[in-house]
Amino acid sequence: MKKNRSLNLLYGLSSLSLNENAGQLIKALRKSKKVSGEVLAGFLGISQQQVSRYERGETELTLEQIKRISGFFNISIWEFMDILYFFYVKKNNELNEIDKIISQSFYNKRQWWGMD
């Protein structure tokens, strides 16, 4: 049950930057595996503070870093990127589409009432 709760944190990612989304994904994966930041840092050969910076989205991840992090969690780099795509690109596109519909509806009402 806790595993699912950790991964449910991902549902709020759409309003974050790409770096923040990647960081939240790393944090959710780490918590779902019940691994400390220190253990992940040891595997990656970096400091625990650097892991914290990744998780807060303060540091851009390189492809090599994503590859190593994905390997630690036993998922492919493509699975990692698919999750980011879904929660960042797809959700943002859906939000943009909703904004367009609302804007168009408002414009149509203004036209109908002779305000434009």
C-alpha atoms as a PDB file:
ATOM      1  CA  MET A   1       0.000   0.000   0.000  1.00  0.00           C
ATOM      2  CA  LYS A   2       2.790   2.446   0.857  1.00  0.00           C
ATOM      3  CA  LYS A   3       4.399   1.703  -2.492  1.00  0.00           C
ATOM      4  CA  ASN A   4       1.314   2.918  -4.315  1.00  0.00           C
ATOM      5  CA  ARG A   5       1.074   6.015  -2.126  1.00  0.00           C
ATOM      6  CA  SER A   6       4.648   6.983  -3.012  1.00  0.00           C
ATOM      7  CA  LEU A   7       4.000   6.626  -6.719  1.00  0.00           C
ATOM      8  CA  ASN A   8       0.723   8.529  -6.380  1.00  0.00           C
ATOM      9  CA  LEU A   9       2.868  11.616  -5.744  1.00  0.00           C
ATOM     10  CA  LEU A  10       3.451  11.574  -9.487  1.00  0.00           C
ATOM     11  CA  TYR A  11      -0.109  12.653 -10.269  1.00  0.00           C
ATOM     12  CA  GLY A  12       0.679  16.252  -9.287  1.00  0.00           C
ATOM     13  CA  LEU A  13       3.674  16.579 -11.558  1.00  0.00           C
ATOM     14  CA  SER A  14       2.101  18.348 -14.509  1.00  0.00           C
ATOM     15  CA  SER A  15       2.561  21.868 -13.142  1.00  0.00           C
ATOM     16  CA  LEU A  16       6.274  21.384 -12.424  1.00  0.00           C
ATOM     17  CA  SER A  17       9.274  22.006 -14.673  1.00  0.00           C
ATOM     18  CA  LEU A  18      10.895  19.075 -16.451  1.00  0.00           C
ATOM     19  CA  ASN A  19      13.757  19.036 -13.921  1.00  0.00           C
ATOM     20  CA  GLU A  20      11.295  19.082 -11.031  1.00  0.00           C
ATOM     21  CA  ASN A  21       9.273  16.286 -12.642  1.00  0.00           C
ATOM     22  CA  ALA A  22      12.395  14.157 -13.036  1.00  0.00           C
ATOM     23  CA  GLY A  23      13.337  14.869  -9.435  1.00  0.00           C
ATOM     24  CA  GLN A  24       9.894  13.960  -8.139  1.00  0.00           C
ATOM     25  CA  LEU A  25      10.008  10.748 -10.170  1.00  0.00           C
ATOM     26  CA  ILE A  26      13.383   9.834  -8.656  1.00  0.00           C
ATOM     27  CA  LYS A  27      12.073  10.584  -5.180  1.00  0.00           C
ATOM     28  CA  ALA A  28       8.890   8.546  -5.739  1.00  0.00           C
ATOM     29  CA  LEU A  29      10.888   5.595  -7.087  1.00  0.00           C
ATOM     30  CA  ARG A  30      13.327   5.812  -4.190  1.00  0.00           C
ATOM     31  CA  LYS A  31      10.554   5.923  -1.594  1.00  0.00           C
ATOM     32  CA  SER A  32       8.622   3.105  -3.263  1.00  0.00           C
ATOM     33  CA  LYS A  33      11.743   0.921  -2.975  1.00  0.00           C
ATOM     34  CA  LYS A  34      12.284   2.120   0.620  1.00  0.00           C
ATOM     35  CA  VAL A  35      15.797   3.305  -0.220  1.00  0.00           C
ATOM     36  CA  SER A  36      17.486   6.250   1.458  1.00  0.00           C
ATOM     37  CA  GLY A  37      19.046   9.080  -0.480  1.00  0.00           C
ATOM     38  CA  GLU A  38      22.359   8.004   1.009  1.00  0.00           C
ATOM     39  CA  VAL A  39      22.091   4.497  -0.481  1.00  0.00           C
ATOM     40  CA  LEU A  40      21.182   5.895  -3.905  1.00  0.00           C
ATOM     41  CA  ALA A  41      24.059   8.368  -3.651  1.00  0.00           C
ATOM     42  CA  GLY A  42      26.475   5.552  -2.811  1.00  0.00           C
ATOM     43  CA  PHE A  43      25.368   3.571  -5.863  1.00  0.00           C
ATOM     44  CA  LEU A  44      25.724   6.616  -8.105  1.00  0.00           C
ATOM     45  CA  GLY A  45      29.043   7.674  -6.576  1.00  0.00           C
ATOM     46  CA  ILE A  46      27.773  11.122  -5.624  1.00  0.00           C
ATOM     47  CA  SER A  47      26.920  12.889  -2.377  1.00  0.00           C
ATOM     48  CA  GLN A  48      23.555  12.590  -0.676  1.00  0.00           C
ATOM     49  CA  GLN A  49      23.247  16.366  -1.103  1.00  0.00           C
ATOM     50  CA  GLN A  50      23.512  15.915  -4.878  1.00  0.00           C
ATOM     51  CA  VAL A  51      20.692  13.348  -4.785  1.00  0.00           C
ATOM     52  CA  SER A  52      18.623  15.927  -2.863  1.00  0.00           C
ATOM     53  CA  ARG A  53      19.371  18.528  -5.548  1.00  0.00           C
ATOM     54  CA  TYR A  54      18.207  16.068  -8.233  1.00  0.00           C
ATOM     55  CA  GLU A  55      15.013  15.367  -6.294  1.00  0.00           C
ATOM     56  CA  ARG A  56      14.267  19.076  -5.854  1.00  0.00           C
ATOM     57  CA  GLY A  57      14.873  19.715  -9.559  1.00  0.00           C
ATOM     58  CA  GLU A  58      17.766  22.077  -8.863  1.00  0.00           C
ATOM     59  CA  THR A  59      20.220  20.188 -11.080  1.00  0.00           C
ATOM     60  CA  GLU A  60      19.694  19.126 -14.681  1.00  0.00           C
ATOM     61  CA  LEU A  61      20.200  15.427 -15.218  1.00  0.00           C
ATOM     62  CA  THR A  62      22.370  14.197 -18.055  1.00  0.00           C
ATOM     63  CA  LEU A  63      21.397  11.181 -20.108  1.00  0.00           C
ATOM     64  CA  GLU A  64      24.174   9.199 -18.411  1.00  0.00           C
ATOM     65  CA  GLN A  65      22.827  10.121 -14.972  1.00  0.00           C
ATOM     66  CA  ILE A  66      19.298   9.103 -15.974  1.00  0.00           C
ATOM     67  CA  LYS A  67      20.695   5.825 -17.309  1.00  0.00           C
ATOM     68  CA  ARG A  68      22.451   5.086 -14.013  1.00  0.00           C
ATOM     69  CA  ILE A  69      19.448   6.085 -11.900  1.00  0.00           C
ATOM     70  CA  SER A  70      17.136   3.948 -14.055  1.00  0.00           C
ATOM     71  CA  GLY A  71      19.533   1.031 -13.662  1.00  0.00           C
ATOM     72  CA  PHE A  72      19.462   1.408  -9.893  1.00  0.00           C
ATOM     73  CA  PHE A  73      15.675   1.113  -9.899  1.00  0.00           C
ATOM     74  CA  ASN A  74      15.791  -1.759 -12.397  1.00  0.00           C
ATOM     75  CA  ILE A  75      13.791   0.063 -15.048  1.00  0.00           C
ATOM     76  CA  SER A  76      14.906   0.956 -18.536  1.00  0.00           C
ATOM     77  CA  ILE A  77      15.796   4.495 -19.443  1.00  0.00           C
ATOM     78  CA  TRP A  78      12.821   4.339 -21.812  1.00  0.00           C
ATOM     79  CA  GLU A  79      10.434   3.516 -18.961  1.00  0.00           C
ATOM     80  CA  PHE A  80      11.824   6.468 -17.003  1.00  0.00           C
ATOM     81  CA  MET A  81      11.347   8.759 -20.000  1.00  0.00           C
ATOM     82  CA  ASP A  82       7.849   7.389 -20.711  1.00  0.00           C
ATOM     83  CA  ILE A  83       6.751   8.269 -17.190  1.00  0.00           C
ATOM     84  CA  LEU A  84       8.185  11.771 -17.600  1.00  0.00           C
ATOM     85  CA  TYR A  85       6.497  12.102 -20.973  1.00  0.00           C
ATOM     86  CA  PHE A  86       3.133  11.103 -19.587  1.00  0.00           C
ATOM     87  CA  PHE A  87       3.235  13.383 -16.577  1.00  0.00           C
ATOM     88  CA  TYR A  88       5.020  16.351 -18.137  1.00  0.00           C
ATOM     89  CA  VAL A  89       4.292  16.582 -21.843  1.00  0.00           C
ATOM     90  CA  LYS A  90       0.927  14.845 -22.058  1.00  0.00           C
ATOM     91  CA  LYS A  91      -0.551  16.504 -18.973  1.00  0.00           C
ATOM     92  CA  ASN A  92       0.719  19.937 -20.040  1.00  0.00           C
ATOM     93  CA  ASN A  93      -0.761  19.395 -23.515  1.00  0.00           C
ATOM     94  CA  GLU A  94      -4.083  18.454 -21.934  1.00  0.00           C
ATOM     95  CA  LEU A  95      -3.980  21.592 -19.795  1.00  0.00           C
ATOM     96  CA  ASN A  96      -3.184  23.701 -22.875  1.00  0.00           C
ATOM     97  CA  GLU A  97      -6.106  22.109 -24.730  1.00  0.00           C
ATOM     98  CA  ILE A  98      -8.438  22.882 -21.824  1.00  0.00           C
ATOM     99  CA  ASP A  99      -7.179  26.491 -21.819  1.00  0.00           C
ATOM    100  CA  LYS A 100      -7.909  26.753 -25.563  1.00  0.00           C
ATOM    101  CA  ILE A 101     -11.446  25.432 -25.106  1.00  0.00           C
ATOM    102  CA  ILE A 102     -12.127  27.859 -22.258  1.00  0.00           C
ATOM    103  CA  SER A 103     -10.657  30.797 -24.196  1.00  0.00           C
ATOM    104  CA  GLN A 104     -12.649  29.929 -27.322  1.00  0.00           C
ATOM    105  CA  SER A 105     -15.838  29.564 -25.292  1.00  0.00           C
ATOM    106  CA  PHE A 106     -15.260  32.947 -23.660  1.00  0.00           C
ATOM    107  CA  TYR A 107     -14.521  34.534 -27.059  1.00  0.00           C
ATOM    108  CA  ASN A 108     -17.706  33.044 -28.555  1.00  0.00           C
ATOM    109  CA  LYS A 109     -19.811  34.389 -25.679  1.00  0.00           C
ATOM    110  CA  ARG A 110     -18.270  37.842 -26.070  1.00  0.00           C
ATOM    111  CA  GLN A 111     -19.035  37.739 -29.812  1.00  0.00           C
ATOM    112  CA  TRP A 112     -22.603  36.584 -29.209  1.00  0.00           C
ATOM    113  CA  TRP A 113     -23.183  39.457 -26.772  1.00  0.00           C
ATOM    114  CA  GLY A 114     -21.651  41.941 -29.236  1.00  0.00           C
ATOM    115  CA  MET A 115     -18.665  42.691 -27.035  1.00  0.00           C
ATOM    116  CA  ASP A 116     -16.116  42.039 -29.799  1.00  0.00           C
END
